[in-house]
Amino acid sequence: MMERKSYFVAVDFKEVREMSIPDNEIEFEIVATPDEVKELEELFRDTKKDGRKAAEYIGKPFDEWGADDKRTHYDEHLIEIYRFIHGLGTAETKERIEQLKLFG
């Protein structure tokens, strides 16, 4: 079985680090295996793709249906990331994410 260790996740920057840099941004501490970190990084990559697709609609003001769909998909990915972080998080991380009231 793979060993779990502490990592620090900066959702705004879509980064997972082994060291904390608390003064630069909001970060969440998780305890994870290397495979779980890879899975989280893949979720970040998917979210970046969704963000780019949603941004394409900024220049198309009359195609709001498409824009709404892309934004919704992006939001769903972010919630999935926060759920994943919550599942691996320390007690403090879980409490901070629960305070965001992103999911029930």
PDB file of N, CA and C in Angstrom:
ATOM      1  N   MET A   1       0.838  -1.184   0.000  1.00  0.00           N
ATOM      2  CA  MET A   1       0.000   0.000   0.000  1.00  0.00           C
ATOM      3  C   MET A   1       0.884   1.250   0.000  1.00  0.00           C
ATOM      4  N   MET A   2       0.469   2.241  -0.754  1.00  0.00           N
ATOM      5  CA  MET A   2       1.243   3.469  -0.850  1.00  0.00           C
ATOM      6  C   MET A   2       1.124   4.278   0.431  1.00  0.00           C
ATOM      7  N   GLU A   3       2.218   4.944   0.743  1.00  0.00           N
ATOM      8  CA  GLU A   3       2.261   5.756   1.946  1.00  0.00           C
ATOM      9  C   GLU A   3       1.583   7.102   1.723  1.00  0.00           C
ATOM     10  N   ARG A   4       0.825   7.514   2.711  1.00  0.00           N
ATOM     11  CA  ARG A   4       0.166   8.817   2.665  1.00  0.00           C
ATOM     12  C   ARG A   4       1.072   9.848   3.316  1.00  0.00           C
ATOM     13  N   LYS A   5       1.047  11.059   2.767  1.00  0.00           N
ATOM     14  CA  LYS A   5       1.774  12.154   3.400  1.00  0.00           C
ATOM     15  C   LYS A   5       1.024  13.453   3.154  1.00  0.00           C
ATOM     16  N   SER A   6       1.452  14.493   3.836  1.00  0.00           N
ATOM     17  CA  SER A   6       0.784  15.785   3.742  1.00  0.00           C
ATOM     18  C   SER A   6       1.184  16.524   2.472  1.00  0.00           C
ATOM     19  N   TYR A   7       0.177  17.159   1.857  1.00  0.00           N
ATOM     20  CA  TYR A   7       0.364  18.020   0.699  1.00  0.00           C
ATOM     21  C   TYR A   7      -0.475  19.266   0.940  1.00  0.00           C
ATOM     22  N   PHE A   8      -0.154  20.311   0.216  1.00  0.00           N
ATOM     23  CA  PHE A   8      -0.885  21.567   0.339  1.00  0.00           C
ATOM     24  C   PHE A   8      -1.427  21.930  -1.038  1.00  0.00           C
ATOM     25  N   VAL A   9      -2.732  22.201  -1.074  1.00  0.00           N
ATOM     26  CA  VAL A   9      -3.428  22.441  -2.335  1.00  0.00           C
ATOM     27  C   VAL A   9      -3.842  23.905  -2.412  1.00  0.00           C
ATOM     28  N   ALA A  10      -3.447  24.561  -3.503  1.00  0.00           N
ATOM     29  CA  ALA A  10      -3.870  25.929  -3.795  1.00  0.00           C
ATOM     30  C   ALA A  10      -4.825  25.852  -4.984  1.00  0.00           C
ATOM     31  N   VAL A  11      -6.109  25.907  -4.701  1.00  0.00           N
ATOM     32  CA  VAL A  11      -7.120  25.747  -5.746  1.00  0.00           C
ATOM     33  C   VAL A  11      -7.027  26.889  -6.754  1.00  0.00           C
ATOM     34  N   ASP A  12      -6.823  28.114  -6.298  1.00  0.00           N
ATOM     35  CA  ASP A  12      -6.740  29.259  -7.208  1.00  0.00           C
ATOM     36  C   ASP A  12      -5.651  29.087  -8.263  1.00  0.00           C
ATOM     37  N   PHE A  13      -4.536  28.481  -7.855  1.00  0.00           N
ATOM     38  CA  PHE A  13      -3.412  28.284  -8.769  1.00  0.00           C
ATOM     39  C   PHE A  13      -3.385  26.882  -9.355  1.00  0.00           C
ATOM     40  N   LYS A  14      -4.333  26.044  -8.924  1.00  0.00           N
ATOM     41  CA  LYS A  14      -4.439  24.662  -9.395  1.00  0.00           C
ATOM     42  C   LYS A  14      -3.113  23.922  -9.205  1.00  0.00           C
ATOM     43  N   GLU A  15      -2.609  24.000  -7.979  1.00  0.00           N
ATOM     44  CA  GLU A  15      -1.324  23.381  -7.636  1.00  0.00           C
ATOM     45  C   GLU A  15      -1.446  22.502  -6.403  1.00  0.00           C
ATOM     46  N   VAL A  16      -0.645  21.439  -6.403  1.00  0.00           N
ATOM     47  CA  VAL A  16      -0.489  20.578  -5.237  1.00  0.00           C
ATOM     48  C   VAL A  16       0.999  20.616  -4.900  1.00  0.00           C
ATOM     49  N   ARG A  17       1.323  20.987  -3.647  1.00  0.00           N
ATOM     50  CA  ARG A  17       2.719  21.129  -3.237  1.00  0.00           C
ATOM     51  C   ARG A  17       3.010  20.287  -2.002  1.00  0.00           C
ATOM     52  N   GLU A  18       4.290  20.009  -1.833  1.00  0.00           N
ATOM     53  CA  GLU A  18       4.707  19.304  -0.623  1.00  0.00           C
ATOM     54  C   GLU A  18       5.017  20.275   0.505  1.00  0.00           C
ATOM     55  N   MET A  19       5.192  21.548   0.159  1.00  0.00           N
ATOM     56  CA  MET A  19       5.491  22.564   1.177  1.00  0.00           C
ATOM     57  C   MET A  19       4.381  23.612   1.202  1.00  0.00           C
ATOM     58  N   SER A  20       4.118  24.121   2.377  1.00  0.00           N
ATOM     59  CA  SER A  20       3.110  25.165   2.545  1.00  0.00           C
ATOM     60  C   SER A  20       3.698  26.529   2.202  1.00  0.00           C
ATOM     61  N   ILE A  21       2.896  27.339   1.506  1.00  0.00           N
ATOM     62  CA  ILE A  21       3.241  28.736   1.245  1.00  0.00           C
ATOM     63  C   ILE A  21       2.001  29.555   1.624  1.00  0.00           C
ATOM     64  N   PRO A  22       1.693  29.628   2.907  1.00  0.00           N
ATOM     65  CA  PRO A  22       0.428  30.217   3.348  1.00  0.00           C
ATOM     66  C   PRO A  22       0.287  31.716   3.116  1.00  0.00           C
ATOM     67  N   ASP A  23       1.376  32.446   2.978  1.00  0.00           N
ATOM     68  CA  ASP A  23       1.261  33.892   2.819  1.00  0.00           C
ATOM     69  C   ASP A  23       0.841  34.307   1.415  1.00  0.00           C
ATOM     70  N   ASN A  24       0.982  33.422   0.450  1.00  0.00           N
ATOM     71  CA  ASN A  24       0.712  33.794  -0.938  1.00  0.00           C
ATOM     72  C   ASN A  24      -0.728  33.590  -1.368  1.00  0.00           C
ATOM     73  N   GLU A  25      -1.405  32.607  -0.831  1.00  0.00           N
ATOM     74  CA  GLU A  25      -2.779  32.329  -1.236  1.00  0.00           C
ATOM     75  C   GLU A  25      -3.449  31.397  -0.231  1.00  0.00           C
ATOM     76  N   ILE A  26      -4.707  31.134  -0.473  1.00  0.00           N
ATOM     77  CA  ILE A  26      -5.447  30.194   0.374  1.00  0.00           C
ATOM     78  C   ILE A  26      -5.039  28.785  -0.040  1.00  0.00           C
ATOM     79  N   GLU A  27      -4.715  27.978   0.936  1.00  0.00           N
ATOM     80  CA  GLU A  27      -4.359  26.596   0.632  1.00  0.00           C
ATOM     81  C   GLU A  27      -5.025  25.660   1.629  1.00  0.00           C
ATOM     82  N   PHE A  28      -5.167  24.420   1.207  1.00  0.00           N
ATOM     83  CA  PHE A  28      -5.796  23.395   2.026  1.00  0.00           C
ATOM     84  C   PHE A  28      -4.812  22.254   2.208  1.00  0.00           C
ATOM     85  N   GLU A  29      -4.708  21.745   3.430  1.00  0.00           N
ATOM     86  CA  GLU A  29      -3.824  20.605   3.686  1.00  0.00           C
ATOM     87  C   GLU A  29      -4.605  19.311   3.497  1.00  0.00           C
ATOM     88  N   ILE A  30      -3.989  18.391   2.767  1.00  0.00           N
ATOM     89  CA  ILE A  30      -4.568  17.065   2.569  1.00  0.00           C
ATOM     90  C   ILE A  30      -3.535  16.020   2.964  1.00  0.00           C
ATOM     91  N   VAL A  31      -4.001  14.809   3.198  1.00  0.00           N
ATOM     92  CA  VAL A  31      -3.129  13.661   3.447  1.00  0.00           C
ATOM     93  C   VAL A  31      -3.485  12.654   2.361  1.00  0.00           C
ATOM     94  N   ALA A  32      -2.523  12.407   1.451  1.00  0.00           N
ATOM     95  CA  ALA A  32      -2.843  11.630   0.256  1.00  0.00           C
ATOM     96  C   ALA A  32      -1.681  10.746  -0.179  1.00  0.00           C
ATOM     97  N   THR A  33      -2.017   9.788  -1.036  1.00  0.00           N
ATOM     98  CA  THR A  33      -1.003   8.956  -1.684  1.00  0.00           C
ATOM     99  C   THR A  33      -0.586   9.670  -2.978  1.00  0.00           C
ATOM    100  N   PRO A  34       0.537   9.293  -3.560  1.00  0.00           N
ATOM    101  CA  PRO A  34       0.923   9.876  -4.853  1.00  0.00           C
ATOM    102  C   PRO A  34      -0.148   9.676  -5.932  1.00  0.00           C
ATOM    103  N   ASP A  35      -0.836   8.542  -5.922  1.00  0.00           N
ATOM    104  CA  ASP A  35      -1.904   8.313  -6.905  1.00  0.00           C
ATOM    105  C   ASP A  35      -3.069   9.282  -6.714  1.00  0.00           C
ATOM    106  N   GLU A  36      -3.414   9.568  -5.461  1.00  0.00           N
ATOM    107  CA  GLU A  36      -4.492  10.520  -5.194  1.00  0.00           C
ATOM    108  C   GLU A  36      -4.089  11.932  -5.631  1.00  0.00           C
ATOM    109  N   VAL A  37      -2.824  12.272  -5.450  1.00  0.00           N
ATOM    110  CA  VAL A  37      -2.328  13.573  -5.908  1.00  0.00           C
ATOM    111  C   VAL A  37      -2.429  13.661  -7.431  1.00  0.00           C
ATOM    112  N   LYS A  38      -2.063  12.581  -8.124  1.00  0.00           N
ATOM    113  CA  LYS A  38      -2.175  12.560  -9.584  1.00  0.00           C
ATOM    114  C   LYS A  38      -3.630  12.738 -10.014  1.00  0.00           C
ATOM    115  N   GLU A  39      -4.543  12.104  -9.299  1.00  0.00           N
ATOM    116  CA  GLU A  39      -5.964  12.229  -9.620  1.00  0.00           C
ATOM    117  C   GLU A  39      -6.439  13.679  -9.445  1.00  0.00           C
ATOM    118  N   LEU A  40      -5.998  14.324  -8.380  1.00  0.00           N
ATOM    119  CA  LEU A  40      -6.354  15.718  -8.139  1.00  0.00           C
ATOM    120  C   LEU A  40      -5.765  16.618  -9.229  1.00  0.00           C
ATOM    121  N   GLU A  41      -4.529  16.363  -9.611  1.00  0.00           N
ATOM    122  CA  GLU A  41      -3.907  17.142 -10.682  1.00  0.00           C
ATOM    123  C   GLU A  41      -4.645  16.970 -12.006  1.00  0.00           C
ATOM    124  N   GLU A  42      -5.169  15.782 -12.251  1.00  0.00           N
ATOM    125  CA  GLU A  42      -5.962  15.542 -13.451  1.00  0.00           C
ATOM    126  C   GLU A  42      -7.270  16.338 -13.395  1.00  0.00           C
ATOM    127  N   LEU A  43      -7.884  16.410 -12.232  1.00  0.00           N
ATOM    128  CA  LEU A  43      -9.088  17.228 -12.069  1.00  0.00           C
ATOM    129  C   LEU A  43      -8.776  18.700 -12.351  1.00  0.00           C
ATOM    130  N   PHE A  44      -7.619  19.166 -11.903  1.00  0.00           N
ATOM    131  CA  PHE A  44      -7.209  20.539 -12.192  1.00  0.00           C
ATOM    132  C   PHE A  44      -7.039  20.758 -13.694  1.00  0.00           C
ATOM    133  N   ARG A  45      -6.427  19.797 -14.389  1.00  0.00           N
ATOM    134  CA  ARG A  45      -6.253  19.923 -15.842  1.00  0.00           C
ATOM    135  C   ARG A  45      -7.613  19.995 -16.539  1.00  0.00           C
ATOM    136  N   ASP A  46      -8.547  19.155 -16.114  1.00  0.00           N
ATOM    137  CA  ASP A  46      -9.889  19.171 -16.701  1.00  0.00           C
ATOM    138  C   ASP A  46     -10.567  20.520 -16.467  1.00  0.00           C
ATOM    139  N   THR A  47     -10.378  21.086 -15.294  1.00  0.00           N
ATOM    140  CA  THR A  47     -10.984  22.369 -14.965  1.00  0.00           C
ATOM    141  C   THR A  47     -10.375  23.480 -15.819  1.00  0.00           C
ATOM    142  N   LYS A  48      -9.072  23.419 -16.042  1.00  0.00           N
ATOM    143  CA  LYS A  48      -8.432  24.421 -16.907  1.00  0.00           C
ATOM    144  C   LYS A  48      -9.018  24.368 -18.312  1.00  0.00           C
ATOM    145  N   LYS A  49      -9.248  23.157 -18.822  1.00  0.00           N
ATOM    146  CA  LYS A  49      -9.857  23.008 -20.154  1.00  0.00           C
ATOM    147  C   LYS A  49     -11.251  23.616 -20.166  1.00  0.00           C
ATOM    148  N   ASP A  50     -12.044  23.327 -19.135  1.00  0.00           N
ATOM    149  CA  ASP A  50     -13.398  23.869 -19.049  1.00  0.00           C
ATOM    150  C   ASP A  50     -13.374  25.392 -18.956  1.00  0.00           C
ATOM    151  N   GLY A  51     -12.409  25.924 -18.210  1.00  0.00           N
ATOM    152  CA  GLY A  51     -12.288  27.375 -18.077  1.00  0.00           C
ATOM    153  C   GLY A  51     -11.983  28.038 -19.405  1.00  0.00           C
ATOM    154  N   ARG A  52     -11.112  27.434 -20.188  1.00  0.00           N
ATOM    155  CA  ARG A  52     -10.790  27.987 -21.512  1.00  0.00           C
ATOM    156  C   ARG A  52     -12.017  27.938 -22.422  1.00  0.00           C
ATOM    157  N   LYS A  53     -12.753  26.831 -22.366  1.00  0.00           N
ATOM    158  CA  LYS A  53     -13.960  26.719 -23.199  1.00  0.00           C
ATOM    159  C   LYS A  53     -14.994  27.766 -22.799  1.00  0.00           C
ATOM    160  N   ALA A  54     -15.159  27.989 -21.500  1.00  0.00           N
ATOM    161  CA  ALA A  54     -16.119  28.990 -21.038  1.00  0.00           C
ATOM    162  C   ALA A  54     -15.677  30.388 -21.463  1.00  0.00           C
ATOM    163  N   ALA A  55     -14.375  30.647 -21.437  1.00  0.00           N
ATOM    164  CA  ALA A  55     -13.862  31.963 -21.822  1.00  0.00           C
ATOM    165  C   ALA A  55     -14.062  32.241 -23.306  1.00  0.00           C
ATOM    166  N   GLU A  56     -14.135  31.219 -24.127  1.00  0.00           N
ATOM    167  CA  GLU A  56     -14.359  31.408 -25.563  1.00  0.00           C
ATOM    168  C   GLU A  56     -15.674  32.133 -25.825  1.00  0.00           C
ATOM    169  N   TYR A  57     -16.633  31.977 -24.931  1.00  0.00           N
ATOM    170  CA  TYR A  57     -17.951  32.573 -25.134  1.00  0.00           C
ATOM    171  C   TYR A  57     -18.016  34.044 -24.727  1.00  0.00           C
ATOM    172  N   ILE A  58     -16.965  34.563 -24.124  1.00  0.00           N
ATOM    173  CA  ILE A  58     -16.976  35.970 -23.735  1.00  0.00           C
ATOM    174  C   ILE A  58     -17.118  36.855 -24.970  1.00  0.00           C
ATOM    175  N   GLY A  59     -16.488  36.471 -26.056  1.00  0.00           N
ATOM    176  CA  GLY A  59     -16.562  37.251 -27.285  1.00  0.00           C
ATOM    177  C   GLY A  59     -17.791  36.960 -28.120  1.00  0.00           C
ATOM    178  N   LYS A  60     -18.675  36.109 -27.635  1.00  0.00           N
ATOM    179  CA  LYS A  60     -19.898  35.746 -28.361  1.00  0.00           C
ATOM    180  C   LYS A  60     -21.115  36.072 -27.495  1.00  0.00           C
ATOM    181  N   PRO A  61     -21.437  37.350 -27.365  1.00  0.00           N
ATOM    182  CA  PRO A  61     -22.500  37.736 -26.422  1.00  0.00           C
ATOM    183  C   PRO A  61     -23.887  37.211 -26.757  1.00  0.00           C
ATOM    184  N   PHE A  62     -24.133  36.777 -27.987  1.00  0.00           N
ATOM    185  CA  PHE A  62     -25.473  36.328 -28.338  1.00  0.00           C
ATOM    186  C   PHE A  62     -25.644  34.818 -28.218  1.00  0.00           C
ATOM    187  N   ASP A  63     -24.639  34.141 -27.729  1.00  0.00           N
ATOM    188  CA  ASP A  63     -24.710  32.684 -27.577  1.00  0.00           C
ATOM    189  C   ASP A  63     -24.697  32.327 -26.087  1.00  0.00           C
ATOM    190  N   GLU A  64     -25.623  32.894 -25.342  1.00  0.00           N
ATOM    191  CA  GLU A  64     -25.660  32.686 -23.895  1.00  0.00           C
ATOM    192  C   GLU A  64     -25.958  31.245 -23.494  1.00  0.00           C
ATOM    193  N   TRP A  65     -26.732  30.517 -24.305  1.00  0.00           N
ATOM    194  CA  TRP A  65     -27.030  29.123 -23.950  1.00  0.00           C
ATOM    195  C   TRP A  65     -25.738  28.336 -23.866  1.00  0.00           C
ATOM    196  N   GLY A  66     -24.890  28.467 -24.841  1.00  0.00           N
ATOM    197  CA  GLY A  66     -23.611  27.761 -24.822  1.00  0.00           C
ATOM    198  C   GLY A  66     -22.730  28.210 -23.683  1.00  0.00           C
ATOM    199  N   ALA A  67     -22.714  29.496 -23.420  1.00  0.00           N
ATOM    200  CA  ALA A  67     -21.901  30.037 -22.337  1.00  0.00           C
ATOM    201  C   ALA A  67     -22.368  29.496 -20.992  1.00  0.00           C
ATOM    202  N   ASP A  68     -23.671  29.476 -20.785  1.00  0.00           N
ATOM    203  CA  ASP A  68     -24.205  28.957 -19.523  1.00  0.00           C
ATOM    204  C   ASP A  68     -23.828  27.497 -19.325  1.00  0.00           C
ATOM    205  N   ASP A  69     -23.924  26.709 -20.374  1.00  0.00           N
ATOM    206  CA  ASP A  69     -23.551  25.290 -20.277  1.00  0.00           C
ATOM    207  C   ASP A  69     -22.085  25.135 -19.901  1.00  0.00           C
ATOM    208  N   LYS A  70     -21.216  25.912 -20.537  1.00  0.00           N
ATOM    209  CA  LYS A  70     -19.777  25.829 -20.264  1.00  0.00           C
ATOM    210  C   LYS A  70     -19.466  26.277 -18.845  1.00  0.00           C
ATOM    211  N   ARG A  71     -20.118  27.353 -18.408  1.00  0.00           N
ATOM    212  CA  ARG A  71     -19.893  27.839 -17.038  1.00  0.00           C
ATOM    213  C   ARG A  71     -20.370  26.817 -16.016  1.00  0.00           C
ATOM    214  N   THR A  72     -21.515  26.204 -16.290  1.00  0.00           N
ATOM    215  CA  THR A  72     -22.064  25.192 -15.383  1.00  0.00           C
ATOM    216  C   THR A  72     -21.114  24.008 -15.289  1.00  0.00           C
ATOM    217  N   HIS A  73     -20.588  23.568 -16.409  1.00  0.00           N
ATOM    218  CA  HIS A  73     -19.650  22.445 -16.414  1.00  0.00           C
ATOM    219  C   HIS A  73     -18.395  22.797 -15.613  1.00  0.00           C
ATOM    220  N   TYR A  74     -17.892  24.016 -15.783  1.00  0.00           N
ATOM    221  CA  TYR A  74     -16.726  24.495 -15.037  1.00  0.00           C
ATOM    222  C   TYR A  74     -17.028  24.488 -13.534  1.00  0.00           C
ATOM    223  N   ASP A  75     -18.187  25.013 -13.151  1.00  0.00           N
ATOM    224  CA  ASP A  75     -18.575  25.045 -11.740  1.00  0.00           C
ATOM    225  C   ASP A  75     -18.667  23.642 -11.158  1.00  0.00           C
ATOM    226  N   GLU A  76     -19.220  22.711 -11.929  1.00  0.00           N
ATOM    227  CA  GLU A  76     -19.328  21.327 -11.466  1.00  0.00           C
ATOM    228  C   GLU A  76     -17.951  20.722 -11.230  1.00  0.00           C
ATOM    229  N   HIS A  77     -17.006  21.030 -12.101  1.00  0.00           N
ATOM    230  CA  HIS A  77     -15.645  20.533 -11.905  1.00  0.00           C
ATOM    231  C   HIS A  77     -15.018  21.107 -10.628  1.00  0.00           C
ATOM    232  N   LEU A  78     -15.236  22.396 -10.390  1.00  0.00           N
ATOM    233  CA  LEU A  78     -14.703  23.001  -9.164  1.00  0.00           C
ATOM    234  C   LEU A  78     -15.288  22.350  -7.915  1.00  0.00           C
ATOM    235  N   ILE A  79     -16.576  22.091  -7.937  1.00  0.00           N
ATOM    236  CA  ILE A  79     -17.210  21.431  -6.788  1.00  0.00           C
ATOM    237  C   ILE A  79     -16.636  20.028  -6.614  1.00  0.00           C
ATOM    238  N   GLU A  80     -16.394  19.333  -7.711  1.00  0.00           N
ATOM    239  CA  GLU A  80     -15.782  18.004  -7.643  1.00  0.00           C
ATOM    240  C   GLU A  80     -14.391  18.079  -7.013  1.00  0.00           C
ATOM    241  N   ILE A  81     -13.634  19.109  -7.354  1.00  0.00           N
ATOM    242  CA  ILE A  81     -12.300  19.301  -6.761  1.00  0.00           C
ATOM    243  C   ILE A  81     -12.417  19.541  -5.260  1.00  0.00           C
ATOM    244  N   TYR A  82     -13.327  20.411  -4.861  1.00  0.00           N
ATOM    245  CA  TYR A  82     -13.493  20.684  -3.429  1.00  0.00           C
ATOM    246  C   TYR A  82     -13.971  19.437  -2.675  1.00  0.00           C
ATOM    247  N   ARG A  83     -14.809  18.639  -3.292  1.00  0.00           N
ATOM    248  CA  ARG A  83     -15.248  17.374  -2.669  1.00  0.00           C
ATOM    249  C   ARG A  83     -14.057  16.436  -2.466  1.00  0.00           C
ATOM    250  N   PHE A  84     -13.218  16.354  -3.492  1.00  0.00           N
ATOM    251  CA  PHE A  84     -12.042  15.486  -3.437  1.00  0.00           C
ATOM    252  C   PHE A  84     -11.094  15.961  -2.330  1.00  0.00           C
ATOM    253  N   ILE A  85     -10.844  17.263  -2.282  1.00  0.00           N
ATOM    254  CA  ILE A  85      -9.970  17.831  -1.251  1.00  0.00           C
ATOM    255  C   ILE A  85     -10.576  17.587   0.129  1.00  0.00           C
ATOM    256  N   HIS A  86     -11.880  17.768   0.256  1.00  0.00           N
ATOM    257  CA  HIS A  86     -12.569  17.534   1.529  1.00  0.00           C
ATOM    258  C   HIS A  86     -12.350  16.087   1.984  1.00  0.00           C
ATOM    259  N   GLY A  87     -12.471  15.149   1.064  1.00  0.00           N
ATOM    260  CA  GLY A  87     -12.312  13.733   1.399  1.00  0.00           C
ATOM    261  C   GLY A  87     -10.920  13.378   1.898  1.00  0.00           C
ATOM    262  N   LEU A  88      -9.917  14.086   1.403  1.00  0.00           N
ATOM    263  CA  LEU A  88      -8.530  13.824   1.801  1.00  0.00           C
ATOM    264  C   LEU A  88      -8.026  14.797   2.860  1.00  0.00           C
ATOM    265  N   GLY A  89      -8.834  15.778   3.190  1.00  0.00           N
ATOM    266  CA  GLY A  89      -8.388  16.877   4.039  1.00  0.00           C
ATOM    267  C   GLY A  89      -8.221  16.540   5.502  1.00  0.00           C
ATOM    268  N   THR A  90      -7.406  17.383   6.137  1.00  0.00           N
ATOM    269  CA  THR A  90      -7.268  17.325   7.589  1.00  0.00           C
ATOM    270  C   THR A  90      -8.568  17.846   8.192  1.00  0.00           C
ATOM    271  N   ALA A  91      -8.703  17.739   9.498  1.00  0.00           N
ATOM    272  CA  ALA A  91      -9.916  18.232  10.169  1.00  0.00           C
ATOM    273  C   ALA A  91     -10.117  19.722   9.877  1.00  0.00           C
ATOM    274  N   GLU A  92      -9.047  20.508   9.896  1.00  0.00           N
ATOM    275  CA  GLU A  92      -9.150  21.941   9.619  1.00  0.00           C
ATOM    276  C   GLU A  92      -9.590  22.191   8.172  1.00  0.00           C
ATOM    277  N   THR A  93      -9.032  21.432   7.244  1.00  0.00           N
ATOM    278  CA  THR A  93      -9.407  21.573   5.837  1.00  0.00           C
ATOM    279  C   THR A  93     -10.882  21.253   5.645  1.00  0.00           C
ATOM    280  N   LYS A  94     -11.325  20.159   6.237  1.00  0.00           N
ATOM    281  CA  LYS A  94     -12.736  19.773   6.106  1.00  0.00           C
ATOM    282  C   LYS A  94     -13.650  20.868   6.640  1.00  0.00           C
ATOM    283  N   GLU A  95     -13.296  21.428   7.783  1.00  0.00           N
ATOM    284  CA  GLU A  95     -14.111  22.478   8.389  1.00  0.00           C
ATOM    285  C   GLU A  95     -14.152  23.719   7.492  1.00  0.00           C
ATOM    286  N   ARG A  96     -13.004  24.115   6.948  1.00  0.00           N
ATOM    287  CA  ARG A  96     -12.952  25.303   6.087  1.00  0.00           C
ATOM    288  C   ARG A  96     -13.786  25.106   4.814  1.00  0.00           C
ATOM    289  N   ILE A  97     -13.720  23.916   4.238  1.00  0.00           N
ATOM    290  CA  ILE A  97     -14.496  23.652   3.020  1.00  0.00           C
ATOM    291  C   ILE A  97     -15.992  23.605   3.347  1.00  0.00           C
ATOM    292  N   GLU A  98     -16.342  23.011   4.472  1.00  0.00           N
ATOM    293  CA  GLU A  98     -17.761  22.971   4.873  1.00  0.00           C
ATOM    294  C   GLU A  98     -18.322  24.366   5.069  1.00  0.00           C
ATOM    295  N   GLN A  99     -17.494  25.302   5.524  1.00  0.00           N
ATOM    296  CA  GLN A  99     -17.941  26.681   5.707  1.00  0.00           C
ATOM    297  C   GLN A  99     -18.262  27.367   4.374  1.00  0.00           C
ATOM    298  N   LEU A 100     -17.706  26.864   3.286  1.00  0.00           N
ATOM    299  CA  LEU A 100     -17.991  27.422   1.961  1.00  0.00           C
ATOM    300  C   LEU A 100     -19.394  27.071   1.479  1.00  0.00           C
ATOM    301  N   LYS A 101     -19.981  26.016   2.068  1.00  0.00           N
ATOM    302  CA  LYS A 101     -21.350  25.563   1.735  1.00  0.00           C
ATOM    303  C   LYS A 101     -21.517  25.307   0.232  1.00  0.00           C
ATOM    304  N   LEU A 102     -20.553  24.592  -0.344  1.00  0.00           N
ATOM    305  CA  LEU A 102     -20.589  24.256  -1.761  1.00  0.00           C
ATOM    306  C   LEU A 102     -21.450  23.042  -2.077  1.00  0.00           C
ATOM    307  N   PHE A 103     -21.549  22.150  -1.101  1.00  0.00           N
ATOM    308  CA  PHE A 103     -22.328  20.932  -1.290  1.00  0.00           C
ATOM    309  C   PHE A 103     -22.958  20.527   0.032  1.00  0.00           C
ATOM    310  N   GLY A 104     -23.980  19.700  -0.048  1.00  0.00           N
ATOM    311  CA  GLY A 104     -24.763  19.339   1.129  1.00  0.00           C
ATOM    312  C   GLY A 104     -24.176  18.355   2.044  1.00  0.00           C
TER     313      GLY A 104
END
